[in-house]
Amino acid sequence: MKTDRKRTVDRRRVGVLMGGLSAERDVSLDTGAGVLAALREYGHDCVAIDWKRGTSLPRLLMESRVDVVWNALHGPYGEDGAVQGALSCMHIPFTGSGILASALAMDKVASKRIFESNGLATPPWTAVPHSIDVEDVADRVTPRLRTPPLVVKPGCEGSSVGVTIVTESGTETLASAVARAREYRGPTLVETYIAGAELHISILGDEVLGSIEVRPATEFYDYQAKYKRDDTQYLIPPELEPGLVERAEAMSLAAYRALGCAGYGRVDLRVDVAAGRPYILEVNTLPGMTSHSLLPKAAAHVGIEYAELCQRILDSAGLG
């Protein structure tokens, strides 16, 4: 879909907020650079705001004299309601979900409880607080989840940071996986590994934009597969039964709405193909917009080019 970029645009000064304080800083800088270039194609008055350690975000915002923020941050402090709260206090509209939805989606334990309360299937799980010694984790986990394979992840991170798959034959033990997850924020989440397909469903506004089946060359769709490697396969449309994809899309939209998300997002699922059952893993309220990212790929498949996608997201600012 070609777009006339000479159309009249609003005269608000747009701040593209990028970088941030999380482990996903480099990805955020990549997202921000792409968004900044795209909005300038449309003729917007844009400024890059690189929030880094040692700087004051309110001061950066005031000095930039922005009227609206395109939030290109990822991970803690940018995607968890913290920045959304600061922007709300400063009366600056921003893209993406609001304070509560952002906080709930980033907190994997809280979101799991909301999924389950809404009848949405998610892999069996248990939370392991830091007060439990790593050597005692197995006693906590085994009664609920039984035997490996298990997925161990930080409770409040994104982009598969700190994630380990523990198998009976692997070198990683449950204790070492939990120790690794504890290097990051939140309680440790341990869940049953769902064998099958990896499915990612993009949402724009309040509608499903498209679905992508991901087949990584690595053990799972980790940080390297998402942002660094070029041998990950992206299947659009997914090579799954259409009815199964439709159920997954309906579940994803229900999860997005249950958390109160707005603007755009991406829902990650595992699909037990043999049983014909999708399981929701998490909802991402600020999915990546890099050259490797899934939301732009889903948009391109339905004729929405990158610059138009950025503009549509900007148009939704203030709805969260």
C-alpha atoms as a PDB file:
ATOM      1  CA  MET A   1       0.000   0.000   0.000  1.00  0.00           C
ATOM      2  CA  LYS A   2       1.623   3.212  -1.155  1.00  0.00           C
ATOM      3  CA  THR A   3       1.057   6.298   0.937  1.00  0.00           C
ATOM      4  CA  ASP A   4       1.117   9.977  -0.027  1.00  0.00           C
ATOM      5  CA  ARG A   5       3.684  11.360   2.356  1.00  0.00           C
ATOM      6  CA  LYS A   6       3.060  14.941   1.206  1.00  0.00           C
ATOM      7  CA  ARG A   7      -0.263  15.043   3.020  1.00  0.00           C
ATOM      8  CA  THR A   8      -0.775  17.682   5.688  1.00  0.00           C
ATOM      9  CA  VAL A   9       0.506  16.552   9.063  1.00  0.00           C
ATOM     10  CA  ASP A  10      -0.220  17.975  12.487  1.00  0.00           C
ATOM     11  CA  ARG A  11       2.236  20.507  13.808  1.00  0.00           C
ATOM     12  CA  ARG A  12       2.973  18.832  17.096  1.00  0.00           C
ATOM     13  CA  ARG A  13       6.633  18.301  17.916  1.00  0.00           C
ATOM     14  CA  VAL A  14       7.212  14.557  18.232  1.00  0.00           C
ATOM     15  CA  GLY A  15       9.784  13.160  20.603  1.00  0.00           C
ATOM     16  CA  VAL A  16      10.955   9.641  19.752  1.00  0.00           C
ATOM     17  CA  LEU A  17      11.953   8.271  23.143  1.00  0.00           C
ATOM     18  CA  MET A  18      14.635   5.587  22.840  1.00  0.00           C
ATOM     19  CA  GLY A  19      17.544   3.900  24.580  1.00  0.00           C
ATOM     20  CA  GLY A  20      16.474   3.623  28.193  1.00  0.00           C
ATOM     21  CA  LEU A  21      17.922   1.819  31.188  1.00  0.00           C
ATOM     22  CA  SER A  22      17.040  -1.829  30.494  1.00  0.00           C
ATOM     23  CA  ALA A  23      18.956  -4.758  29.018  1.00  0.00           C
ATOM     24  CA  GLU A  24      17.161  -3.987  25.741  1.00  0.00           C
ATOM     25  CA  ARG A  25      18.753  -0.560  25.282  1.00  0.00           C
ATOM     26  CA  ASP A  26      20.486  -1.423  21.994  1.00  0.00           C
ATOM     27  CA  VAL A  27      17.283  -2.812  20.489  1.00  0.00           C
ATOM     28  CA  SER A  28      15.434   0.322  21.568  1.00  0.00           C
ATOM     29  CA  LEU A  29      18.003   2.542  19.867  1.00  0.00           C
ATOM     30  CA  ASP A  30      17.508   0.524  16.676  1.00  0.00           C
ATOM     31  CA  THR A  31      13.715   0.815  16.942  1.00  0.00           C
ATOM     32  CA  GLY A  32      13.959   4.530  17.654  1.00  0.00           C
ATOM     33  CA  ALA A  33      16.211   5.244  14.697  1.00  0.00           C
ATOM     34  CA  GLY A  34      13.781   3.519  12.341  1.00  0.00           C
ATOM     35  CA  VAL A  35      10.748   5.310  13.747  1.00  0.00           C
ATOM     36  CA  LEU A  36      12.483   8.694  13.662  1.00  0.00           C
ATOM     37  CA  ALA A  37      13.390   8.312   9.984  1.00  0.00           C
ATOM     38  CA  ALA A  38       9.879   7.102   9.112  1.00  0.00           C
ATOM     39  CA  LEU A  39       8.112  10.005  10.813  1.00  0.00           C
ATOM     40  CA  ARG A  40      10.433  12.494   9.160  1.00  0.00           C
ATOM     41  CA  GLU A  41       9.394  10.994   5.819  1.00  0.00           C
ATOM     42  CA  TYR A  42       5.909  12.172   6.681  1.00  0.00           C
ATOM     43  CA  GLY A  43       7.156  15.687   7.406  1.00  0.00           C
ATOM     44  CA  HIS A  44       6.867  15.592  11.185  1.00  0.00           C
ATOM     45  CA  ASP A  45       8.983  17.852  13.368  1.00  0.00           C
ATOM     46  CA  CYS A  46      10.791  15.079  15.254  1.00  0.00           C
ATOM     47  CA  VAL A  47      13.538  14.931  17.825  1.00  0.00           C
ATOM     48  CA  ALA A  48      15.397  11.898  19.183  1.00  0.00           C
ATOM     49  CA  ILE A  49      15.402  11.619  22.971  1.00  0.00           C
ATOM     50  CA  ASP A  50      18.086   9.188  24.128  1.00  0.00           C
ATOM     51  CA  TRP A  51      17.417   8.427  27.778  1.00  0.00           C
ATOM     52  CA  LYS A  52      20.526   6.968  29.357  1.00  0.00           C
ATOM     53  CA  ARG A  53      21.887   6.420  32.832  1.00  0.00           C
ATOM     54  CA  GLY A  54      22.884   9.657  34.520  1.00  0.00           C
ATOM     55  CA  THR A  55      20.292  11.746  32.683  1.00  0.00           C
ATOM     56  CA  SER A  56      16.944  13.053  33.921  1.00  0.00           C
ATOM     57  CA  LEU A  57      14.039  11.994  31.718  1.00  0.00           C
ATOM     58  CA  PRO A  58      11.760  14.907  32.780  1.00  0.00           C
ATOM     59  CA  ARG A  59      14.554  17.358  32.003  1.00  0.00           C
ATOM     60  CA  LEU A  60      15.185  15.751  28.606  1.00  0.00           C
ATOM     61  CA  LEU A  61      11.479  16.009  27.795  1.00  0.00           C
ATOM     62  CA  MET A  62      11.235  19.645  28.875  1.00  0.00           C
ATOM     63  CA  GLU A  63      14.395  20.641  26.997  1.00  0.00           C
ATOM     64  CA  SER A  64      13.114  18.897  23.861  1.00  0.00           C
ATOM     65  CA  ARG A  65       9.848  20.874  24.020  1.00  0.00           C
ATOM     66  CA  VAL A  66       7.848  17.933  22.700  1.00  0.00           C
ATOM     67  CA  ASP A  67       4.063  17.821  22.415  1.00  0.00           C
ATOM     68  CA  VAL A  68       3.744  14.043  22.013  1.00  0.00           C
ATOM     69  CA  VAL A  69       6.050  11.060  22.587  1.00  0.00           C
ATOM     70  CA  TRP A  70       6.486   8.057  20.279  1.00  0.00           C
ATOM     71  CA  ASN A  71       7.662   5.593  22.908  1.00  0.00           C
ATOM     72  CA  ALA A  72      10.371   3.384  21.386  1.00  0.00           C
ATOM     73  CA  LEU A  73      11.650   2.064  24.724  1.00  0.00           C
ATOM     74  CA  HIS A  74      11.705  -1.655  25.502  1.00  0.00           C
ATOM     75  CA  GLY A  75      11.837  -3.551  28.766  1.00  0.00           C
ATOM     76  CA  PRO A  76      11.868  -2.323  32.381  1.00  0.00           C
ATOM     77  CA  TYR A  77      11.469   1.408  33.059  1.00  0.00           C
ATOM     78  CA  GLY A  78      10.128   1.946  29.539  1.00  0.00           C
ATOM     79  CA  GLU A  79       7.529  -0.748  28.999  1.00  0.00           C
ATOM     80  CA  ASP A  80       6.353  -1.401  32.556  1.00  0.00           C
ATOM     81  CA  GLY A  81       4.282   1.679  33.371  1.00  0.00           C
ATOM     82  CA  ALA A  82       7.109   3.750  34.869  1.00  0.00           C
ATOM     83  CA  VAL A  83       7.661   6.058  31.894  1.00  0.00           C
ATOM     84  CA  GLN A  84       3.948   6.017  31.143  1.00  0.00           C
ATOM     85  CA  GLY A  85       3.343   7.402  34.644  1.00  0.00           C
ATOM     86  CA  ALA A  86       5.963  10.127  34.222  1.00  0.00           C
ATOM     87  CA  LEU A  87       4.536  11.193  30.867  1.00  0.00           C
ATOM     88  CA  SER A  88       1.021  11.223  32.281  1.00  0.00           C
ATOM     89  CA  CYS A  89       2.123  13.460  35.162  1.00  0.00           C
ATOM     90  CA  MET A  90       3.696  15.834  32.633  1.00  0.00           C
ATOM     91  CA  HIS A  91       0.508  15.807  30.508  1.00  0.00           C
ATOM     92  CA  ILE A  92       2.378  14.543  27.460  1.00  0.00           C
ATOM     93  CA  PRO A  93       0.414  12.060  25.312  1.00  0.00           C
ATOM     94  CA  PHE A  94       2.334   8.958  24.275  1.00  0.00           C
ATOM     95  CA  THR A  95       2.021   5.919  22.045  1.00  0.00           C
ATOM     96  CA  GLY A  96       1.224   2.463  23.342  1.00  0.00           C
ATOM     97  CA  SER A  97      -0.679   1.235  26.355  1.00  0.00           C
ATOM     98  CA  GLY A  98      -1.319   3.181  29.523  1.00  0.00           C
ATOM     99  CA  ILE A  99       0.158   2.831  32.996  1.00  0.00           C
ATOM    100  CA  LEU A 100      -1.792  -0.143  34.329  1.00  0.00           C
ATOM    101  CA  ALA A 101      -1.834  -2.224  31.137  1.00  0.00           C
ATOM    102  CA  SER A 102       1.906  -1.671  30.681  1.00  0.00           C
ATOM    103  CA  ALA A 103       2.645  -2.738  34.247  1.00  0.00           C
ATOM    104  CA  LEU A 104       0.430  -5.825  34.058  1.00  0.00           C
ATOM    105  CA  ALA A 105       1.825  -6.989  30.722  1.00  0.00           C
ATOM    106  CA  MET A 106       5.445  -6.637  31.880  1.00  0.00           C
ATOM    107  CA  ASP A 107       4.730  -8.555  35.085  1.00  0.00           C
ATOM    108  CA  LYS A 108       4.521 -12.145  33.838  1.00  0.00           C
ATOM    109  CA  VAL A 109       3.049 -13.444  37.090  1.00  0.00           C
ATOM    110  CA  ALA A 110       0.286 -10.815  37.155  1.00  0.00           C
ATOM    111  CA  SER A 111      -0.530 -11.337  33.478  1.00  0.00           C
ATOM    112  CA  LYS A 112      -0.645 -15.125  33.912  1.00  0.00           C
ATOM    113  CA  ARG A 113      -3.257 -14.692  36.630  1.00  0.00           C
ATOM    114  CA  ILE A 114      -5.326 -12.415  34.412  1.00  0.00           C
ATOM    115  CA  PHE A 115      -5.134 -14.854  31.496  1.00  0.00           C
ATOM    116  CA  GLU A 116      -6.319 -17.696  33.705  1.00  0.00           C
ATOM    117  CA  SER A 117      -9.121 -15.622  35.245  1.00  0.00           C
ATOM    118  CA  ASN A 118     -10.375 -14.954  31.722  1.00  0.00           C
ATOM    119  CA  GLY A 119     -10.259 -18.614  30.710  1.00  0.00           C
ATOM    120  CA  LEU A 120      -7.268 -18.167  28.402  1.00  0.00           C
ATOM    121  CA  ALA A 121      -4.909 -21.136  28.248  1.00  0.00           C
ATOM    122  CA  THR A 122      -1.337 -20.472  29.369  1.00  0.00           C
ATOM    123  CA  PRO A 123       1.354 -23.058  30.166  1.00  0.00           C
ATOM    124  CA  PRO A 124       1.235 -24.471  33.713  1.00  0.00           C
ATOM    125  CA  TRP A 125       3.508 -22.331  35.885  1.00  0.00           C
ATOM    126  CA  THR A 126       4.759 -21.420  39.307  1.00  0.00           C
ATOM    127  CA  ALA A 127       6.537 -18.355  40.650  1.00  0.00           C
ATOM    128  CA  VAL A 128       9.733 -18.759  42.662  1.00  0.00           C
ATOM    129  CA  PRO A 129      10.448 -15.828  45.005  1.00  0.00           C
ATOM    130  CA  HIS A 130      14.029 -14.784  45.734  1.00  0.00           C
ATOM    131  CA  SER A 131      13.593 -15.923  49.338  1.00  0.00           C
ATOM    132  CA  ILE A 132      13.831 -19.561  48.208  1.00  0.00           C
ATOM    133  CA  ASP A 133      17.380 -20.873  47.854  1.00  0.00           C
ATOM    134  CA  VAL A 134      18.223 -22.040  44.325  1.00  0.00           C
ATOM    135  CA  GLU A 135      19.050 -25.512  45.600  1.00  0.00           C
ATOM    136  CA  ASP A 136      15.524 -25.807  47.058  1.00  0.00           C
ATOM    137  CA  VAL A 137      13.710 -24.680  43.904  1.00  0.00           C
ATOM    138  CA  ALA A 138      13.134 -28.228  42.645  1.00  0.00           C
ATOM    139  CA  ASP A 139      11.141 -29.042  45.776  1.00  0.00           C
ATOM    140  CA  ARG A 140       8.948 -26.017  45.087  1.00  0.00           C
ATOM    141  CA  VAL A 141       8.516 -26.704  41.364  1.00  0.00           C
ATOM    142  CA  THR A 142       8.162 -30.501  41.139  1.00  0.00           C
ATOM    143  CA  PRO A 143       4.739 -30.838  42.839  1.00  0.00           C
ATOM    144  CA  ARG A 144       3.174 -28.489  40.268  1.00  0.00           C
ATOM    145  CA  LEU A 145       5.146 -28.961  37.067  1.00  0.00           C
ATOM    146  CA  ARG A 146       6.617 -32.456  37.410  1.00  0.00           C
ATOM    147  CA  THR A 147       9.544 -33.152  35.099  1.00  0.00           C
ATOM    148  CA  PRO A 148      11.451 -31.175  32.431  1.00  0.00           C
ATOM    149  CA  PRO A 149      11.452 -29.705  29.899  1.00  0.00           C
ATOM    150  CA  LEU A 150      10.779 -26.492  31.796  1.00  0.00           C
ATOM    151  CA  VAL A 151      11.159 -22.847  30.831  1.00  0.00           C
ATOM    152  CA  VAL A 152      12.799 -20.598  33.415  1.00  0.00           C
ATOM    153  CA  LYS A 153      12.564 -16.827  32.952  1.00  0.00           C
ATOM    154  CA  PRO A 154      12.716 -13.538  34.882  1.00  0.00           C
ATOM    155  CA  GLY A 155       9.286 -12.299  35.896  1.00  0.00           C
ATOM    156  CA  CYS A 156       9.723  -8.730  34.626  1.00  0.00           C
ATOM    157  CA  GLU A 157      11.922  -8.747  31.513  1.00  0.00           C
ATOM    158  CA  GLY A 158      11.384  -8.951  27.755  1.00  0.00           C
ATOM    159  CA  SER A 159      13.116 -10.100  24.556  1.00  0.00           C
ATOM    160  CA  SER A 160      13.835 -13.534  26.078  1.00  0.00           C
ATOM    161  CA  VAL A 161      16.456 -11.939  28.341  1.00  0.00           C
ATOM    162  CA  GLY A 162      17.544 -14.403  31.018  1.00  0.00           C
ATOM    163  CA  VAL A 163      15.443 -17.277  29.630  1.00  0.00           C
ATOM    164  CA  THR A 164      16.634 -20.903  29.874  1.00  0.00           C
ATOM    165  CA  ILE A 165      15.029 -24.153  28.743  1.00  0.00           C
ATOM    166  CA  VAL A 166      15.884 -26.914  31.204  1.00  0.00           C
ATOM    167  CA  THR A 167      15.802 -30.435  29.768  1.00  0.00           C
ATOM    168  CA  GLU A 168      16.628 -33.775  31.356  1.00  0.00           C
ATOM    169  CA  SER A 169      19.547 -34.258  28.969  1.00  0.00           C
ATOM    170  CA  GLY A 170      20.775 -30.662  28.946  1.00  0.00           C
ATOM    171  CA  THR A 171      23.725 -29.180  30.798  1.00  0.00           C
ATOM    172  CA  GLU A 172      21.614 -26.512  32.504  1.00  0.00           C
ATOM    173  CA  THR A 173      20.152 -27.517  35.844  1.00  0.00           C
ATOM    174  CA  LEU A 174      17.043 -25.967  37.328  1.00  0.00           C
ATOM    175  CA  ALA A 175      19.158 -24.308  40.020  1.00  0.00           C
ATOM    176  CA  SER A 176      21.567 -22.716  37.523  1.00  0.00           C
ATOM    177  CA  ALA A 177      18.666 -21.530  35.345  1.00  0.00           C
ATOM    178  CA  VAL A 178      16.982 -19.887  38.320  1.00  0.00           C
ATOM    179  CA  ALA A 179      20.276 -18.265  39.345  1.00  0.00           C
ATOM    180  CA  ARG A 180      20.585 -16.810  35.857  1.00  0.00           C
ATOM    181  CA  ALA A 181      17.008 -15.504  35.860  1.00  0.00           C
ATOM    182  CA  ARG A 182      17.618 -13.832  39.208  1.00  0.00           C
ATOM    183  CA  GLU A 183      20.196 -11.567  37.603  1.00  0.00           C
ATOM    184  CA  TYR A 184      17.194  -9.655  36.252  1.00  0.00           C
ATOM    185  CA  ARG A 185      14.041  -8.083  37.682  1.00  0.00           C
ATOM    186  CA  GLY A 186      11.085  -9.749  39.321  1.00  0.00           C
ATOM    187  CA  PRO A 187      10.412 -13.194  40.753  1.00  0.00           C
ATOM    188  CA  THR A 188      11.480 -16.176  38.679  1.00  0.00           C
ATOM    189  CA  LEU A 189       8.781 -17.807  36.589  1.00  0.00           C
ATOM    190  CA  VAL A 190       9.030 -21.531  35.858  1.00  0.00           C
ATOM    191  CA  GLU A 191       6.572 -22.973  33.365  1.00  0.00           C
ATOM    192  CA  THR A 192       6.007 -26.167  31.432  1.00  0.00           C
ATOM    193  CA  TYR A 193       7.607 -26.140  27.998  1.00  0.00           C
ATOM    194  CA  ILE A 194       4.986 -26.585  25.287  1.00  0.00           C
ATOM    195  CA  ALA A 195       6.391 -28.581  22.385  1.00  0.00           C
ATOM    196  CA  GLY A 196       5.095 -27.508  19.000  1.00  0.00           C
ATOM    197  CA  ALA A 197       5.017 -24.266  17.020  1.00  0.00           C
ATOM    198  CA  GLU A 198       5.964 -20.719  17.983  1.00  0.00           C
ATOM    199  CA  LEU A 199       3.301 -18.194  16.971  1.00  0.00           C
ATOM    200  CA  HIS A 200       3.354 -14.403  17.231  1.00  0.00           C
ATOM    201  CA  ILE A 201       0.226 -12.370  16.618  1.00  0.00           C
ATOM    202  CA  SER A 202       0.411  -8.631  15.972  1.00  0.00           C
ATOM    203  CA  ILE A 203      -2.383  -6.244  16.937  1.00  0.00           C
ATOM    204  CA  LEU A 204      -2.920  -2.718  15.623  1.00  0.00           C
ATOM    205  CA  GLY A 205      -5.565  -0.590  17.294  1.00  0.00           C
ATOM    206  CA  ASP A 206      -8.063  -3.152  18.473  1.00  0.00           C
ATOM    207  CA  GLU A 207      -7.787  -5.622  15.595  1.00  0.00           C
ATOM    208  CA  VAL A 208      -5.522  -8.514  14.710  1.00  0.00           C
ATOM    209  CA  LEU A 209      -3.013  -7.362  12.114  1.00  0.00           C
ATOM    210  CA  GLY A 210      -1.560 -10.768  11.280  1.00  0.00           C
ATOM    211  CA  SER A 211       0.124 -13.947  12.503  1.00  0.00           C
ATOM    212  CA  ILE A 212       3.668 -15.194  12.003  1.00  0.00           C
ATOM    213  CA  GLU A 213       5.039 -18.650  12.728  1.00  0.00           C
ATOM    214  CA  VAL A 214       8.681 -18.424  13.761  1.00  0.00           C
ATOM    215  CA  ARG A 215      11.168 -21.247  13.297  1.00  0.00           C
ATOM    216  CA  PRO A 216      14.493 -20.310  14.880  1.00  0.00           C
ATOM    217  CA  ALA A 217      17.688 -22.147  14.001  1.00  0.00           C
ATOM    218  CA  THR A 218      18.613 -21.998  17.692  1.00  0.00           C
ATOM    219  CA  GLU A 219      16.962 -23.954  20.513  1.00  0.00           C
ATOM    220  CA  PHE A 220      14.270 -21.306  20.873  1.00  0.00           C
ATOM    221  CA  TYR A 221      13.465 -17.770  19.742  1.00  0.00           C
ATOM    222  CA  ASP A 222      16.028 -16.095  21.985  1.00  0.00           C
ATOM    223  CA  TYR A 223      17.631 -12.640  21.857  1.00  0.00           C
ATOM    224  CA  GLN A 224      20.153 -13.682  19.196  1.00  0.00           C
ATOM    225  CA  ALA A 225      17.459 -15.228  16.995  1.00  0.00           C
ATOM    226  CA  LYS A 226      15.268 -12.137  17.367  1.00  0.00           C
ATOM    227  CA  TYR A 227      17.809  -9.425  16.646  1.00  0.00           C
ATOM    228  CA  LYS A 228      21.169 -10.774  15.488  1.00  0.00           C
ATOM    229  CA  ARG A 229      20.839 -13.934  13.392  1.00  0.00           C
ATOM    230  CA  ASP A 230      19.695 -14.095   9.775  1.00  0.00           C
ATOM    231  CA  ASP A 231      18.750 -17.794   9.708  1.00  0.00           C
ATOM    232  CA  THR A 232      15.434 -17.519  11.574  1.00  0.00           C
ATOM    233  CA  GLN A 233      12.475 -18.528   9.384  1.00  0.00           C
ATOM    234  CA  TYR A 234       9.350 -16.354   9.382  1.00  0.00           C
ATOM    235  CA  LEU A 235       6.287 -18.054   7.912  1.00  0.00           C
ATOM    236  CA  ILE A 236       3.542 -15.660   6.811  1.00  0.00           C
ATOM    237  CA  PRO A 237       0.901 -17.020   6.895  1.00  0.00           C
ATOM    238  CA  PRO A 238       1.739 -19.743   9.422  1.00  0.00           C
ATOM    239  CA  GLU A 239       1.908 -23.333   8.185  1.00  0.00           C
ATOM    240  CA  LEU A 240      -0.787 -24.391  10.641  1.00  0.00           C
ATOM    241  CA  GLU A 241      -4.421 -25.358  10.254  1.00  0.00           C
ATOM    242  CA  PRO A 242      -6.414 -22.173   9.528  1.00  0.00           C
ATOM    243  CA  GLY A 243      -8.879 -22.983  12.292  1.00  0.00           C
ATOM    244  CA  LEU A 244      -6.050 -23.300  14.797  1.00  0.00           C
ATOM    245  CA  VAL A 245      -4.618 -19.931  13.775  1.00  0.00           C
ATOM    246  CA  GLU A 246      -8.057 -18.332  14.067  1.00  0.00           C
ATOM    247  CA  ARG A 247      -8.436 -19.657  17.618  1.00  0.00           C
ATOM    248  CA  ALA A 248      -4.986 -18.361  18.505  1.00  0.00           C
ATOM    249  CA  GLU A 249      -5.829 -14.937  17.089  1.00  0.00           C
ATOM    250  CA  ALA A 250      -9.107 -14.781  19.027  1.00  0.00           C
ATOM    251  CA  MET A 251      -7.290 -15.748  22.234  1.00  0.00           C
ATOM    252  CA  SER A 252      -4.590 -13.158  21.585  1.00  0.00           C
ATOM    253  CA  LEU A 253      -7.055 -10.332  21.104  1.00  0.00           C
ATOM    254  CA  ALA A 254      -8.889 -11.431  24.257  1.00  0.00           C
ATOM    255  CA  ALA A 255      -5.602 -11.393  26.233  1.00  0.00           C
ATOM    256  CA  TYR A 256      -4.712  -7.943  24.849  1.00  0.00           C
ATOM    257  CA  ARG A 257      -8.105  -6.610  25.886  1.00  0.00           C
ATOM    258  CA  ALA A 258      -8.058  -8.344  29.285  1.00  0.00           C
ATOM    259  CA  LEU A 259      -4.876  -6.448  30.194  1.00  0.00           C
ATOM    260  CA  GLY A 260      -6.387  -3.188  28.931  1.00  0.00           C
ATOM    261  CA  CYS A 261      -3.827  -2.645  26.157  1.00  0.00           C
ATOM    262  CA  ALA A 262      -4.202   0.061  23.530  1.00  0.00           C
ATOM    263  CA  GLY A 263      -2.567   1.334  20.343  1.00  0.00           C
ATOM    264  CA  TYR A 264      -0.654  -1.736  19.270  1.00  0.00           C
ATOM    265  CA  GLY A 265       0.995  -4.854  20.621  1.00  0.00           C
ATOM    266  CA  ARG A 266       2.140  -8.391  19.961  1.00  0.00           C
ATOM    267  CA  VAL A 267       1.035 -11.607  21.633  1.00  0.00           C
ATOM    268  CA  ASP A 268       3.449 -14.552  21.868  1.00  0.00           C
ATOM    269  CA  LEU A 269       2.125 -18.105  21.957  1.00  0.00           C
ATOM    270  CA  ARG A 270       3.242 -21.708  21.864  1.00  0.00           C
ATOM    271  CA  VAL A 271       0.974 -24.106  19.976  1.00  0.00           C
ATOM    272  CA  ASP A 272       0.615 -27.787  20.784  1.00  0.00           C
ATOM    273  CA  VAL A 273      -0.053 -28.774  17.182  1.00  0.00           C
ATOM    274  CA  ALA A 274      -0.846 -32.417  17.946  1.00  0.00           C
ATOM    275  CA  ALA A 275      -3.528 -31.432  20.462  1.00  0.00           C
ATOM    276  CA  GLY A 276      -4.635 -28.423  18.414  1.00  0.00           C
ATOM    277  CA  ARG A 277      -4.253 -26.101  21.404  1.00  0.00           C
ATOM    278  CA  PRO A 278      -2.620 -22.648  21.628  1.00  0.00           C
ATOM    279  CA  TYR A 279      -1.125 -21.350  24.873  1.00  0.00           C
ATOM    280  CA  ILE A 280      -0.521 -17.667  25.549  1.00  0.00           C
ATOM    281  CA  LEU A 281       2.929 -16.812  26.863  1.00  0.00           C
ATOM    282  CA  GLU A 282       2.793 -13.031  27.134  1.00  0.00           C
ATOM    283  CA  VAL A 283       1.596  -9.745  25.658  1.00  0.00           C
ATOM    284  CA  ASN A 284       4.190  -7.208  24.496  1.00  0.00           C
ATOM    285  CA  THR A 285       2.911  -3.625  24.751  1.00  0.00           C
ATOM    286  CA  LEU A 286       5.904  -2.058  22.945  1.00  0.00           C
ATOM    287  CA  PRO A 287       7.041  -4.656  20.404  1.00  0.00           C
ATOM    288  CA  GLY A 288      10.204  -4.020  18.440  1.00  0.00           C
ATOM    289  CA  MET A 289      10.221  -2.005  15.224  1.00  0.00           C
ATOM    290  CA  THR A 290      13.644  -3.094  13.940  1.00  0.00           C
ATOM    291  CA  SER A 291      14.484  -4.748  10.615  1.00  0.00           C
ATOM    292  CA  HIS A 292      14.116  -8.146  12.318  1.00  0.00           C
ATOM    293  CA  SER A 293      10.927  -7.334  14.213  1.00  0.00           C
ATOM    294  CA  LEU A 294       7.640  -9.160  13.751  1.00  0.00           C
ATOM    295  CA  LEU A 295       5.114  -6.324  13.847  1.00  0.00           C
ATOM    296  CA  PRO A 296       6.528  -4.588  10.736  1.00  0.00           C
ATOM    297  CA  LYS A 297       6.675  -7.962   8.952  1.00  0.00           C
ATOM    298  CA  ALA A 298       3.006  -8.631   9.735  1.00  0.00           C
ATOM    299  CA  ALA A 299       2.067  -5.124   8.591  1.00  0.00           C
ATOM    300  CA  ALA A 300       4.003  -5.459   5.333  1.00  0.00           C
ATOM    301  CA  HIS A 301       2.183  -8.711   4.581  1.00  0.00           C
ATOM    302  CA  VAL A 302      -1.155  -6.854   4.558  1.00  0.00           C
ATOM    303  CA  GLY A 303       0.190  -3.899   2.563  1.00  0.00           C
ATOM    304  CA  ILE A 304       1.086  -1.473   5.335  1.00  0.00           C
ATOM    305  CA  GLU A 305       4.611  -0.222   4.792  1.00  0.00           C
ATOM    306  CA  TYR A 306       6.857   0.696   7.702  1.00  0.00           C
ATOM    307  CA  ALA A 307       6.397   4.472   7.584  1.00  0.00           C
ATOM    308  CA  GLU A 308       2.624   4.171   7.481  1.00  0.00           C
ATOM    309  CA  LEU A 309       2.710   1.765  10.418  1.00  0.00           C
ATOM    310  CA  CYS A 310       4.691   4.310  12.460  1.00  0.00           C
ATOM    311  CA  GLN A 311       2.215   7.023  11.498  1.00  0.00           C
ATOM    312  CA  ARG A 312      -0.785   4.913  12.499  1.00  0.00           C
ATOM    313  CA  ILE A 313       0.786   4.223  15.865  1.00  0.00           C
ATOM    314  CA  LEU A 314       1.455   7.952  16.318  1.00  0.00           C
ATOM    315  CA  ASP A 315      -2.193   8.659  15.487  1.00  0.00           C
ATOM    316  CA  SER A 316      -3.186   6.451  18.428  1.00  0.00           C
ATOM    317  CA  ALA A 317      -1.132   8.427  20.969  1.00  0.00           C
ATOM    318  CA  GLY A 318      -3.112   9.282  24.060  1.00  0.00           C
ATOM    319  CA  LEU A 319      -5.520   6.365  23.783  1.00  0.00           C
ATOM    320  CA  GLY A 320      -3.736   4.218  26.374  1.00  0.00           C
END
